[in-house]
Amino acid sequence: MIRLFRRPSAVALTACLLLEAAAALADTSLSGTVSAVLDGDSIIVVDAGRREVEVRLAQIDAPEHGQADWQASRQSLSELLLGRTVTVERVDADRYGRIVGRVWEEGTDAGLEQVRRGMAWVYRRYTADQAYFRAEERARQEKKGLWSQPRPVPPWRFRHRAASSDSDPRRSPADRVSPCGAKHRCAEMLSCEEARFYLVRCGVKSLDRDGDGTPCEELC
C-alpha cells in the first residue's frame, strides 16, 4: 500500500513561522523585579522562575568602584529601579555572561535617565541613539552629577589605567589600583548591594560561604 504524504498547507507554514517568531521575541526580553543594584549601570533581576539574572544597562557606562561619584551613581539607579518591576530589552551579552539591554520601568528608560541626571556617560563605542548624546550634553552644560567635576574621568579610561597599573612590573602589588578595592570579608561590607557587587563583579567567593548565590546572609 502506497501512502501519499501531503505537503503542509500555507496556513500551517504560516502558523509555524509565527510560533518561531514568538519564541525569538521571547528570547529578546526579560521581565522581573530588581533585587539589587550593583553600581550605576548593573542590576540583578529576579525573573518569574526566581532566577537571579545580572543585567548591564546598554548604551551607558557609569563610574567604576573607586571613582568619584560611584556611590552617587549607584544610589541614583537604586532610586529608579530597586524593588521595581522592569522589562529588559535584550541587546547583547558581555564577556562576563551578563545580559546587556535597555531597562524600562513604567515607560522610563533607566539608562537614559542616568545620563540625564549626570550619573553616567554615553558609552560611545556601543551607542548610536542621539537621544543619549543630547541628554549627556545637557547634563554637561548644567553641570549635573559627575559633570560638576572639572575633569571627570570616563570609566573606560579608569579601567584602562587600572589594567596598566596591574601589569606594570615596576609597581608593587600594594601600589596597584583595582576597581574592586581590597575588601573580602562580610564585616567590611556596608550594605547588601555592596556585598553583591564584590561577589558578582569582583569574584570574592568568601562572601558566599554556603554557595547559594547570596552573600553575607546577615546583610542580605
N, C-alpha and C. Protein backbone atom coordinates (compact mmCIF):
# COMPACT_ATOMS: atom_id res chain seq x y z
N MET A 1 0.86 -1.19 0.00
CA MET A 1 0.00 0.00 0.00
C MET A 1 0.89 1.24 0.00
N ILE A 2 0.61 2.12 -0.89
CA ILE A 2 1.42 3.34 -1.02
C ILE A 2 0.70 4.49 -0.30
N ARG A 3 1.41 5.10 0.63
CA ARG A 3 0.81 6.24 1.35
C ARG A 3 1.31 7.54 0.72
N LEU A 4 0.41 8.43 0.57
CA LEU A 4 0.76 9.72 -0.01
C LEU A 4 0.88 10.75 1.13
N PHE A 5 1.99 11.44 1.18
CA PHE A 5 2.20 12.47 2.21
C PHE A 5 1.89 13.83 1.61
N ARG A 6 0.99 14.51 2.24
CA ARG A 6 0.58 15.81 1.74
C ARG A 6 1.53 16.89 2.24
N ARG A 7 1.83 17.80 1.37
CA ARG A 7 2.69 18.93 1.76
C ARG A 7 1.93 19.83 2.72
N PRO A 8 2.64 20.42 3.70
CA PRO A 8 1.97 21.33 4.63
C PRO A 8 1.30 22.49 3.90
N SER A 9 0.14 22.86 4.37
CA SER A 9 -0.58 23.96 3.75
C SER A 9 0.09 25.28 4.07
N ALA A 10 -0.27 26.31 3.32
CA ALA A 10 0.29 27.64 3.57
C ALA A 10 -0.08 28.13 4.96
N VAL A 11 -1.31 27.76 5.41
CA VAL A 11 -1.75 28.18 6.75
C VAL A 11 -0.87 27.55 7.83
N ALA A 12 -0.57 26.23 7.63
CA ALA A 12 0.27 25.55 8.62
C ALA A 12 1.66 26.13 8.66
N LEU A 13 2.22 26.43 7.49
CA LEU A 13 3.55 27.02 7.44
C LEU A 13 3.58 28.39 8.11
N THR A 14 2.53 29.17 7.86
CA THR A 14 2.45 30.49 8.48
C THR A 14 2.38 30.39 9.99
N ALA A 15 1.59 29.41 10.47
CA ALA A 15 1.46 29.21 11.91
C ALA A 15 2.81 28.84 12.53
N CYS A 16 3.55 27.97 11.84
CA CYS A 16 4.88 27.59 12.35
C CYS A 16 5.82 28.78 12.42
N LEU A 17 5.79 29.61 11.38
CA LEU A 17 6.65 30.78 11.36
C LEU A 17 6.30 31.76 12.46
N LEU A 18 5.01 31.90 12.73
CA LEU A 18 4.58 32.81 13.80
C LEU A 18 5.03 32.30 15.15
N LEU A 19 4.95 30.98 15.35
CA LEU A 19 5.41 30.40 16.61
C LEU A 19 6.91 30.61 16.80
N GLU A 20 7.67 30.41 15.72
CA GLU A 20 9.12 30.62 15.80
C GLU A 20 9.44 32.08 16.10
N ALA A 21 8.70 33.00 15.48
CA ALA A 21 8.93 34.43 15.72
C ALA A 21 8.62 34.79 17.15
N ALA A 22 7.53 34.20 17.67
CA ALA A 22 7.14 34.49 19.07
C ALA A 22 8.22 34.00 20.03
N ALA A 23 8.77 32.80 19.73
CA ALA A 23 9.83 32.26 20.58
C ALA A 23 11.07 33.15 20.54
N ALA A 24 11.41 33.62 19.34
CA ALA A 24 12.57 34.51 19.20
C ALA A 24 12.36 35.81 19.95
N LEU A 25 11.14 36.33 19.87
CA LEU A 25 10.84 37.58 20.58
C LEU A 25 10.95 37.39 22.08
N ALA A 26 10.46 36.22 22.55
CA ALA A 26 10.52 35.94 23.99
C ALA A 26 11.96 35.92 24.47
N ASP A 27 12.87 35.46 23.61
CA ASP A 27 14.28 35.38 23.99
C ASP A 27 14.94 36.76 24.06
N THR A 28 14.31 37.78 23.51
CA THR A 28 14.93 39.09 23.49
C THR A 28 14.44 39.99 24.61
N SER A 29 13.54 39.49 25.46
CA SER A 29 13.04 40.33 26.55
C SER A 29 13.00 39.54 27.85
N LEU A 30 13.07 40.28 28.93
CA LEU A 30 13.07 39.68 30.26
C LEU A 30 12.30 40.60 31.18
N SER A 31 11.44 40.04 32.00
CA SER A 31 10.70 40.83 32.99
C SER A 31 10.97 40.27 34.37
N GLY A 32 11.01 41.15 35.35
CA GLY A 32 11.23 40.70 36.71
C GLY A 32 11.37 41.87 37.66
N THR A 33 11.74 41.55 38.88
CA THR A 33 11.90 42.56 39.93
C THR A 33 13.37 42.78 40.22
N VAL A 34 13.75 44.03 40.34
CA VAL A 34 15.15 44.36 40.63
C VAL A 34 15.42 44.12 42.12
N SER A 35 16.28 43.15 42.39
CA SER A 35 16.57 42.79 43.78
C SER A 35 17.83 43.47 44.31
N ALA A 36 18.69 43.93 43.40
CA ALA A 36 19.93 44.58 43.84
C ALA A 36 20.45 45.49 42.74
N VAL A 37 21.11 46.55 43.17
CA VAL A 37 21.79 47.46 42.24
C VAL A 37 23.27 47.40 42.58
N LEU A 38 24.07 46.91 41.64
CA LEU A 38 25.49 46.69 41.90
C LEU A 38 26.31 47.96 41.73
N ASP A 39 25.95 48.75 40.73
CA ASP A 39 26.58 50.05 40.51
C ASP A 39 25.65 50.87 39.62
N GLY A 40 26.18 51.93 39.02
CA GLY A 40 25.30 52.82 38.27
C GLY A 40 24.83 52.30 36.93
N ASP A 41 25.29 51.11 36.53
CA ASP A 41 24.83 50.55 35.26
C ASP A 41 24.63 49.04 35.31
N SER A 42 24.57 48.45 36.49
CA SER A 42 24.41 47.00 36.61
C SER A 42 23.42 46.66 37.72
N ILE A 43 22.51 45.73 37.42
CA ILE A 43 21.48 45.34 38.37
C ILE A 43 21.31 43.83 38.39
N ILE A 44 20.62 43.33 39.42
CA ILE A 44 20.20 41.93 39.49
C ILE A 44 18.68 41.91 39.36
N VAL A 45 18.18 41.13 38.40
CA VAL A 45 16.74 41.00 38.18
C VAL A 45 16.33 39.57 38.53
N VAL A 46 15.28 39.43 39.34
CA VAL A 46 14.72 38.12 39.66
C VAL A 46 13.54 37.89 38.73
N ASP A 47 13.65 36.87 37.87
CA ASP A 47 12.59 36.65 36.88
C ASP A 47 11.47 35.79 37.44
N ALA A 48 10.52 35.43 36.58
CA ALA A 48 9.34 34.66 37.02
C ALA A 48 9.72 33.29 37.56
N GLY A 49 10.85 32.76 37.11
CA GLY A 49 11.31 31.46 37.59
C GLY A 49 12.18 31.56 38.82
N ARG A 50 12.22 32.74 39.45
CA ARG A 50 13.00 33.00 40.65
C ARG A 50 14.50 32.91 40.40
N ARG A 51 14.92 33.05 39.16
CA ARG A 51 16.34 33.08 38.84
C ARG A 51 16.88 34.50 38.99
N GLU A 52 18.10 34.61 39.49
CA GLU A 52 18.75 35.91 39.56
C GLU A 52 19.58 36.12 38.30
N VAL A 53 19.29 37.18 37.58
CA VAL A 53 19.95 37.46 36.32
C VAL A 53 20.65 38.81 36.42
N GLU A 54 21.94 38.84 36.14
CA GLU A 54 22.66 40.12 36.15
C GLU A 54 22.48 40.81 34.81
N VAL A 55 22.13 42.08 34.87
CA VAL A 55 21.86 42.85 33.66
C VAL A 55 22.75 44.10 33.65
N ARG A 56 23.41 44.31 32.55
CA ARG A 56 24.21 45.52 32.33
C ARG A 56 23.41 46.45 31.42
N LEU A 57 23.15 47.67 31.88
CA LEU A 57 22.36 48.62 31.09
C LEU A 57 23.11 48.99 29.82
N ALA A 58 22.42 48.87 28.70
CA ALA A 58 23.04 49.14 27.40
C ALA A 58 23.23 50.64 27.20
N GLN A 59 24.23 50.98 26.42
CA GLN A 59 24.48 52.33 25.90
C GLN A 59 25.05 53.32 26.91
N ILE A 60 25.25 52.89 28.16
CA ILE A 60 25.82 53.81 29.15
C ILE A 60 27.01 53.15 29.85
N ASP A 61 27.83 53.97 30.48
CA ASP A 61 28.95 53.49 31.29
C ASP A 61 29.02 54.37 32.52
N ALA A 62 28.82 53.79 33.68
CA ALA A 62 28.78 54.54 34.93
C ALA A 62 30.12 54.45 35.65
N PRO A 63 30.37 55.35 36.61
CA PRO A 63 31.64 55.32 37.34
C PRO A 63 31.92 53.97 37.97
N GLU A 64 33.17 53.55 37.89
CA GLU A 64 33.60 52.29 38.49
C GLU A 64 33.81 52.45 40.00
N HIS A 65 33.78 51.33 40.70
CA HIS A 65 34.07 51.35 42.13
C HIS A 65 35.47 51.93 42.33
N GLY A 66 35.58 52.92 43.18
CA GLY A 66 36.85 53.60 43.39
C GLY A 66 36.92 54.95 42.71
N GLN A 67 35.97 55.22 41.79
CA GLN A 67 35.93 56.53 41.14
C GLN A 67 35.02 57.48 41.92
N ALA A 68 35.25 58.77 41.71
CA ALA A 68 34.34 59.77 42.26
C ALA A 68 32.95 59.53 41.66
N ASP A 69 31.93 59.72 42.47
CA ASP A 69 30.53 59.59 42.06
C ASP A 69 30.08 58.15 41.85
N TRP A 70 30.92 57.16 42.18
CA TRP A 70 30.46 55.77 42.07
C TRP A 70 29.25 55.53 42.97
N GLN A 71 29.37 55.95 44.23
CA GLN A 71 28.27 55.73 45.17
C GLN A 71 27.03 56.53 44.77
N ALA A 72 27.22 57.76 44.33
CA ALA A 72 26.08 58.60 43.92
C ALA A 72 25.38 58.01 42.70
N SER A 73 26.14 57.46 41.77
CA SER A 73 25.56 56.86 40.58
C SER A 73 24.76 55.62 40.95
N ARG A 74 25.30 54.78 41.81
CA ARG A 74 24.58 53.58 42.25
C ARG A 74 23.31 53.96 43.01
N GLN A 75 23.41 54.99 43.87
CA GLN A 75 22.24 55.43 44.63
C GLN A 75 21.15 55.94 43.69
N SER A 76 21.55 56.65 42.65
CA SER A 76 20.59 57.17 41.68
C SER A 76 19.84 56.03 40.99
N LEU A 77 20.58 54.99 40.57
CA LEU A 77 19.93 53.86 39.90
C LEU A 77 19.06 53.08 40.88
N SER A 78 19.48 53.04 42.15
CA SER A 78 18.66 52.38 43.17
C SER A 78 17.32 53.09 43.33
N GLU A 79 17.36 54.42 43.32
CA GLU A 79 16.11 55.19 43.43
C GLU A 79 15.18 54.92 42.26
N LEU A 80 15.78 54.69 41.09
CA LEU A 80 14.99 54.43 39.90
C LEU A 80 14.41 53.03 39.86
N LEU A 81 15.21 52.03 40.30
CA LEU A 81 14.85 50.65 39.98
C LEU A 81 14.71 49.67 41.15
N LEU A 82 15.37 49.90 42.26
CA LEU A 82 15.40 48.89 43.31
C LEU A 82 13.99 48.56 43.81
N GLY A 83 13.66 47.27 43.75
CA GLY A 83 12.35 46.81 44.18
C GLY A 83 11.25 46.98 43.14
N ARG A 84 11.59 47.55 42.00
CA ARG A 84 10.59 47.80 40.95
C ARG A 84 10.55 46.64 39.95
N THR A 85 9.40 46.53 39.30
CA THR A 85 9.25 45.56 38.20
C THR A 85 9.71 46.22 36.91
N VAL A 86 10.61 45.55 36.19
CA VAL A 86 11.19 46.13 34.99
C VAL A 86 11.07 45.16 33.81
N THR A 87 11.21 45.72 32.63
CA THR A 87 11.33 44.93 31.41
C THR A 87 12.69 45.22 30.80
N VAL A 88 13.41 44.18 30.49
CA VAL A 88 14.74 44.32 29.89
C VAL A 88 14.64 43.97 28.40
N GLU A 89 14.97 44.92 27.58
CA GLU A 89 15.02 44.72 26.13
C GLU A 89 16.44 44.27 25.78
N ARG A 90 16.60 42.98 25.62
CA ARG A 90 17.94 42.42 25.46
C ARG A 90 18.60 42.87 24.16
N VAL A 91 19.85 43.30 24.27
CA VAL A 91 20.61 43.76 23.12
C VAL A 91 21.76 42.81 22.81
N ASP A 92 22.42 42.32 23.87
CA ASP A 92 23.63 41.53 23.68
C ASP A 92 23.96 40.83 25.00
N ALA A 93 25.09 40.16 25.04
CA ALA A 93 25.66 39.61 26.27
C ALA A 93 27.12 39.99 26.28
N ASP A 94 27.66 40.31 27.46
CA ASP A 94 29.06 40.71 27.52
C ASP A 94 29.95 39.53 27.86
N ARG A 95 31.24 39.79 27.97
CA ARG A 95 32.20 38.70 28.18
C ARG A 95 32.08 38.07 29.56
N TYR A 96 31.36 38.73 30.47
CA TYR A 96 31.15 38.17 31.80
C TYR A 96 29.87 37.34 31.87
N GLY A 97 29.18 37.21 30.74
CA GLY A 97 27.95 36.44 30.72
C GLY A 97 26.72 37.21 31.13
N ARG A 98 26.87 38.51 31.34
CA ARG A 98 25.72 39.32 31.72
C ARG A 98 24.88 39.67 30.50
N ILE A 99 23.57 39.78 30.73
CA ILE A 99 22.70 40.32 29.69
C ILE A 99 22.98 41.82 29.57
N VAL A 100 23.08 42.30 28.35
CA VAL A 100 23.19 43.74 28.11
C VAL A 100 21.88 44.17 27.45
N GLY A 101 21.21 45.14 28.05
CA GLY A 101 19.93 45.53 27.49
C GLY A 101 19.43 46.87 28.01
N ARG A 102 18.42 47.40 27.34
CA ARG A 102 17.76 48.61 27.80
C ARG A 102 16.73 48.20 28.85
N VAL A 103 16.73 48.90 29.96
CA VAL A 103 15.87 48.55 31.09
C VAL A 103 14.78 49.59 31.22
N TRP A 104 13.53 49.12 31.17
CA TRP A 104 12.38 50.01 31.22
C TRP A 104 11.59 49.80 32.50
N GLU A 105 11.20 50.90 33.12
CA GLU A 105 10.35 50.85 34.31
C GLU A 105 9.21 51.85 34.12
N GLU A 106 8.02 51.33 33.88
CA GLU A 106 6.84 52.17 33.63
C GLU A 106 7.11 53.22 32.55
N GLY A 107 7.70 52.77 31.45
CA GLY A 107 7.93 53.66 30.31
C GLY A 107 9.18 54.50 30.38
N THR A 108 9.92 54.42 31.49
CA THR A 108 11.16 55.19 31.63
C THR A 108 12.35 54.33 31.27
N ASP A 109 13.19 54.82 30.38
CA ASP A 109 14.44 54.16 30.02
C ASP A 109 15.46 54.52 31.11
N ALA A 110 15.78 53.55 31.96
CA ALA A 110 16.64 53.83 33.12
C ALA A 110 18.03 54.30 32.71
N GLY A 111 18.57 53.75 31.63
CA GLY A 111 19.90 54.18 31.19
C GLY A 111 19.90 55.63 30.74
N LEU A 112 18.90 56.00 29.97
CA LEU A 112 18.80 57.38 29.51
C LEU A 112 18.61 58.32 30.68
N GLU A 113 17.83 57.90 31.67
CA GLU A 113 17.61 58.74 32.85
C GLU A 113 18.91 58.92 33.64
N GLN A 114 19.74 57.89 33.72
CA GLN A 114 21.03 58.03 34.39
C GLN A 114 21.90 59.07 33.69
N VAL A 115 21.87 59.07 32.37
CA VAL A 115 22.64 60.07 31.61
C VAL A 115 22.07 61.46 31.85
N ARG A 116 20.75 61.58 31.86
CA ARG A 116 20.12 62.89 32.10
C ARG A 116 20.51 63.46 33.46
N ARG A 117 20.64 62.58 34.45
CA ARG A 117 20.98 63.03 35.80
C ARG A 117 22.47 63.31 35.98
N GLY A 118 23.25 63.03 34.94
CA GLY A 118 24.70 63.21 35.06
C GLY A 118 25.34 62.12 35.89
N MET A 119 24.74 60.93 35.88
CA MET A 119 25.23 59.81 36.68
C MET A 119 25.90 58.73 35.84
N ALA A 120 26.00 58.96 34.53
CA ALA A 120 26.66 58.01 33.64
C ALA A 120 27.05 58.71 32.35
N TRP A 121 28.06 58.16 31.70
CA TRP A 121 28.46 58.62 30.37
C TRP A 121 27.69 57.85 29.31
N VAL A 122 27.56 58.44 28.14
CA VAL A 122 27.14 57.67 26.98
C VAL A 122 28.32 56.78 26.59
N TYR A 123 28.05 55.49 26.40
CA TYR A 123 29.10 54.56 26.03
C TYR A 123 29.26 54.62 24.51
N ARG A 124 30.11 55.54 24.08
CA ARG A 124 30.19 55.88 22.66
C ARG A 124 30.50 54.70 21.75
N ARG A 125 31.24 53.77 22.26
CA ARG A 125 31.63 52.62 21.45
C ARG A 125 30.43 51.76 21.05
N TYR A 126 29.35 51.84 21.82
CA TYR A 126 28.21 50.95 21.59
C TYR A 126 26.90 51.71 21.43
N THR A 127 26.95 53.00 21.15
CA THR A 127 25.75 53.81 21.11
C THR A 127 25.63 54.61 19.83
N ALA A 128 24.43 54.61 19.27
CA ALA A 128 24.15 55.46 18.11
C ALA A 128 22.91 56.31 18.34
N ASP A 129 22.23 56.09 19.46
CA ASP A 129 20.98 56.79 19.77
C ASP A 129 21.28 58.25 20.14
N GLN A 130 20.82 59.17 19.30
CA GLN A 130 21.13 60.58 19.51
C GLN A 130 20.47 61.15 20.77
N ALA A 131 19.40 60.52 21.24
CA ALA A 131 18.75 61.00 22.46
C ALA A 131 19.71 60.92 23.65
N TYR A 132 20.56 59.91 23.65
CA TYR A 132 21.54 59.76 24.73
C TYR A 132 22.60 60.86 24.66
N PHE A 133 23.05 61.17 23.46
CA PHE A 133 24.06 62.22 23.31
C PHE A 133 23.49 63.59 23.69
N ARG A 134 22.24 63.83 23.32
CA ARG A 134 21.61 65.11 23.68
C ARG A 134 21.46 65.22 25.20
N ALA A 135 21.08 64.11 25.82
CA ALA A 135 20.92 64.12 27.28
C ALA A 135 22.26 64.37 27.97
N GLU A 136 23.32 63.76 27.46
CA GLU A 136 24.64 63.97 28.06
C GLU A 136 25.10 65.41 27.91
N GLU A 137 24.90 65.98 26.74
CA GLU A 137 25.33 67.35 26.50
C GLU A 137 24.59 68.32 27.42
N ARG A 138 23.29 68.07 27.62
CA ARG A 138 22.53 68.95 28.51
C ARG A 138 23.00 68.82 29.96
N ALA A 139 23.25 67.57 30.40
CA ALA A 139 23.75 67.35 31.76
C ALA A 139 25.10 68.03 31.94
N ARG A 140 25.93 67.98 30.90
CA ARG A 140 27.25 68.62 30.95
C ARG A 140 27.11 70.13 31.09
N GLN A 141 26.22 70.73 30.29
CA GLN A 141 26.01 72.18 30.33
C GLN A 141 25.48 72.63 31.69
N GLU A 142 24.62 71.79 32.27
CA GLU A 142 24.01 72.15 33.56
C GLU A 142 24.85 71.69 34.74
N LYS A 143 26.01 71.05 34.45
CA LYS A 143 26.95 70.59 35.48
C LYS A 143 26.27 69.67 36.51
N LYS A 144 25.48 68.76 35.99
CA LYS A 144 24.82 67.80 36.86
C LYS A 144 25.73 66.63 37.20
N GLY A 145 25.59 66.11 38.42
CA GLY A 145 26.29 64.90 38.80
C GLY A 145 27.78 64.95 38.56
N LEU A 146 28.26 63.97 37.81
CA LEU A 146 29.71 63.87 37.57
C LEU A 146 30.26 65.05 36.79
N TRP A 147 29.38 65.78 36.08
CA TRP A 147 29.84 66.93 35.30
C TRP A 147 30.10 68.16 36.17
N SER A 148 29.83 68.05 37.48
CA SER A 148 30.20 69.13 38.39
C SER A 148 31.70 69.13 38.66
N GLN A 149 32.37 68.03 38.32
CA GLN A 149 33.82 67.96 38.45
C GLN A 149 34.49 68.69 37.28
N PRO A 150 35.66 69.26 37.50
CA PRO A 150 36.33 69.97 36.40
C PRO A 150 36.75 69.05 35.26
N ARG A 151 37.26 67.86 35.60
CA ARG A 151 37.71 66.93 34.55
C ARG A 151 37.35 65.49 34.95
N PRO A 152 36.10 65.12 34.83
CA PRO A 152 35.73 63.74 35.19
C PRO A 152 36.37 62.73 34.25
N VAL A 153 36.82 61.62 34.81
CA VAL A 153 37.49 60.58 34.03
C VAL A 153 36.47 59.53 33.61
N PRO A 154 36.31 59.29 32.31
CA PRO A 154 35.38 58.25 31.85
C PRO A 154 35.78 56.89 32.39
N PRO A 155 34.81 56.04 32.69
CA PRO A 155 35.11 54.72 33.27
C PRO A 155 36.03 53.87 32.41
N TRP A 156 35.89 53.97 31.07
CA TRP A 156 36.74 53.13 30.22
C TRP A 156 38.21 53.52 30.34
N ARG A 157 38.49 54.80 30.59
CA ARG A 157 39.87 55.22 30.82
C ARG A 157 40.36 54.77 32.19
N PHE A 158 39.47 54.85 33.17
CA PHE A 158 39.81 54.40 34.52
C PHE A 158 40.16 52.92 34.52
N ARG A 159 39.37 52.11 33.79
CA ARG A 159 39.65 50.68 33.72
C ARG A 159 40.97 50.42 33.01
N HIS A 160 41.23 51.19 31.97
CA HIS A 160 42.49 51.03 31.22
C HIS A 160 43.69 51.35 32.12
N ARG A 161 43.56 52.42 32.90
CA ARG A 161 44.65 52.80 33.79
C ARG A 161 44.88 51.73 34.84
N ALA A 162 43.78 51.18 35.39
CA ALA A 162 43.89 50.14 36.41
C ALA A 162 44.57 48.90 35.84
N ALA A 163 44.18 48.54 34.59
CA ALA A 163 44.78 47.36 33.96
C ALA A 163 46.26 47.59 33.70
N SER A 164 46.61 48.81 33.26
CA SER A 164 48.01 49.13 33.00
C SER A 164 48.82 49.10 34.29
N SER A 165 48.21 49.59 35.37
CA SER A 165 48.89 49.61 36.66
C SER A 165 49.15 48.19 37.15
N ASP A 166 48.15 47.30 36.97
CA ASP A 166 48.30 45.92 37.43
C ASP A 166 49.39 45.18 36.67
N SER A 167 49.61 45.57 35.41
CA SER A 167 50.59 44.85 34.59
C SER A 167 51.98 45.49 34.61
N ASP A 168 52.12 46.58 35.34
CA ASP A 168 53.40 47.29 35.39
C ASP A 168 54.33 46.61 36.40
N PRO A 169 55.40 45.95 35.96
CA PRO A 169 56.28 45.22 36.89
C PRO A 169 57.06 46.15 37.81
N ARG A 170 57.10 47.44 37.50
CA ARG A 170 57.86 48.37 38.32
C ARG A 170 57.11 48.75 39.59
N ARG A 171 55.79 48.44 39.61
CA ARG A 171 54.99 48.82 40.77
C ARG A 171 54.73 47.62 41.65
N SER A 172 54.76 47.85 42.95
CA SER A 172 54.50 46.76 43.89
C SER A 172 53.00 46.48 43.94
N PRO A 173 52.60 45.27 44.35
CA PRO A 173 51.17 44.97 44.45
C PRO A 173 50.43 45.96 45.34
N ALA A 174 51.08 46.48 46.36
CA ALA A 174 50.41 47.41 47.27
C ALA A 174 50.07 48.73 46.58
N ASP A 175 50.83 49.05 45.52
CA ASP A 175 50.60 50.31 44.81
C ASP A 175 49.58 50.18 43.69
N ARG A 176 49.26 48.96 43.31
CA ARG A 176 48.37 48.76 42.18
C ARG A 176 46.93 49.03 42.56
N VAL A 177 46.19 49.62 41.64
CA VAL A 177 44.82 50.02 41.92
C VAL A 177 43.86 49.04 41.26
N SER A 178 42.87 48.56 42.00
CA SER A 178 41.83 47.70 41.44
C SER A 178 40.48 48.36 41.63
N PRO A 179 39.65 48.40 40.60
CA PRO A 179 38.32 48.99 40.75
C PRO A 179 37.50 48.29 41.82
N CYS A 180 37.85 47.06 42.16
CA CYS A 180 37.09 46.31 43.15
C CYS A 180 37.55 46.59 44.58
N GLY A 181 38.66 47.24 44.75
CA GLY A 181 39.12 47.50 46.10
C GLY A 181 39.73 46.26 46.73
N ALA A 182 39.88 46.28 48.06
CA ALA A 182 40.57 45.19 48.75
C ALA A 182 39.70 44.51 49.80
N LYS A 183 38.42 44.75 49.80
CA LYS A 183 37.54 44.13 50.79
C LYS A 183 37.32 42.66 50.45
N HIS A 184 37.25 41.81 51.51
CA HIS A 184 37.00 40.39 51.26
C HIS A 184 36.23 39.72 52.40
N ARG A 185 35.77 40.51 53.38
CA ARG A 185 35.01 39.94 54.49
C ARG A 185 33.67 40.64 54.63
N CYS A 186 32.66 39.91 55.10
CA CYS A 186 31.32 40.49 55.28
C CYS A 186 31.34 41.66 56.25
N ALA A 187 32.24 41.60 57.23
CA ALA A 187 32.31 42.67 58.23
C ALA A 187 32.73 44.00 57.59
N GLU A 188 33.32 43.95 56.41
CA GLU A 188 33.77 45.17 55.73
C GLU A 188 32.70 45.74 54.80
N MET A 189 31.62 44.99 54.58
CA MET A 189 30.57 45.44 53.66
C MET A 189 29.62 46.42 54.36
N LEU A 190 29.25 47.46 53.63
CA LEU A 190 28.37 48.48 54.19
C LEU A 190 26.90 48.20 53.91
N SER A 191 26.62 47.33 52.93
CA SER A 191 25.24 47.04 52.57
C SER A 191 25.19 45.73 51.80
N CYS A 192 23.96 45.21 51.61
CA CYS A 192 23.78 44.01 50.81
C CYS A 192 24.21 44.26 49.36
N GLU A 193 23.88 45.47 48.84
CA GLU A 193 24.23 45.79 47.47
C GLU A 193 25.75 45.75 47.26
N GLU A 194 26.49 46.28 48.25
CA GLU A 194 27.94 46.26 48.11
C GLU A 194 28.47 44.83 48.17
N ALA A 195 27.87 44.01 49.05
CA ALA A 195 28.29 42.61 49.15
C ALA A 195 28.04 41.88 47.83
N ARG A 196 26.89 42.15 47.20
CA ARG A 196 26.60 41.52 45.91
C ARG A 196 27.58 41.97 44.84
N PHE A 197 27.93 43.25 44.87
CA PHE A 197 28.90 43.78 43.90
C PHE A 197 30.22 43.03 44.02
N TYR A 198 30.71 42.86 45.25
CA TYR A 198 32.00 42.20 45.44
C TYR A 198 31.94 40.72 45.09
N LEU A 199 30.78 40.10 45.32
CA LEU A 199 30.65 38.68 44.98
C LEU A 199 30.55 38.50 43.47
N VAL A 200 29.66 39.26 42.82
CA VAL A 200 29.37 39.04 41.41
C VAL A 200 30.43 39.66 40.51
N ARG A 201 30.79 40.90 40.77
CA ARG A 201 31.69 41.61 39.87
C ARG A 201 33.16 41.37 40.19
N CYS A 202 33.45 41.19 41.48
CA CYS A 202 34.86 41.07 41.87
C CYS A 202 35.26 39.63 42.19
N GLY A 203 34.27 38.72 42.25
CA GLY A 203 34.59 37.31 42.45
C GLY A 203 35.09 36.97 43.84
N VAL A 204 34.65 37.72 44.86
CA VAL A 204 35.09 37.44 46.23
C VAL A 204 34.19 36.34 46.80
N LYS A 205 34.58 35.08 46.56
CA LYS A 205 33.75 33.93 46.92
C LYS A 205 33.62 33.74 48.43
N SER A 206 34.54 34.32 49.19
CA SER A 206 34.48 34.15 50.65
C SER A 206 33.24 34.80 51.25
N LEU A 207 32.58 35.66 50.46
CA LEU A 207 31.36 36.30 50.96
C LEU A 207 30.15 35.37 50.89
N ASP A 208 30.29 34.27 50.15
CA ASP A 208 29.19 33.31 49.99
C ASP A 208 29.66 31.94 50.45
N ARG A 209 29.71 31.76 51.75
CA ARG A 209 30.31 30.55 52.31
C ARG A 209 29.53 29.28 51.99
N ASP A 210 28.19 29.39 51.88
CA ASP A 210 27.39 28.19 51.62
C ASP A 210 27.11 27.98 50.13
N GLY A 211 27.61 28.89 49.27
CA GLY A 211 27.49 28.70 47.84
C GLY A 211 26.09 28.80 47.27
N ASP A 212 25.18 29.52 47.96
CA ASP A 212 23.80 29.61 47.47
C ASP A 212 23.56 30.84 46.60
N GLY A 213 24.63 31.60 46.33
CA GLY A 213 24.49 32.78 45.48
C GLY A 213 24.13 34.05 46.23
N THR A 214 23.86 33.94 47.53
CA THR A 214 23.52 35.11 48.34
C THR A 214 24.67 35.42 49.29
N PRO A 215 25.30 36.58 49.17
CA PRO A 215 26.43 36.90 50.04
C PRO A 215 25.98 37.41 51.40
N CYS A 216 26.80 37.21 52.39
CA CYS A 216 26.61 37.87 53.70
C CYS A 216 25.16 37.83 54.17
N GLU A 217 24.70 36.63 54.56
CA GLU A 217 23.28 36.48 54.94
C GLU A 217 22.84 37.46 56.02
N GLU A 218 23.77 37.89 56.86
CA GLU A 218 23.40 38.84 57.91
C GLU A 218 23.02 40.19 57.34
N LEU A 219 23.47 40.49 56.11
CA LEU A 219 23.11 41.73 55.44
C LEU A 219 21.98 41.53 54.44
N CYS A 220 21.99 40.38 53.77
CA CYS A 220 21.05 40.13 52.68
C CYS A 220 19.93 39.16 53.08
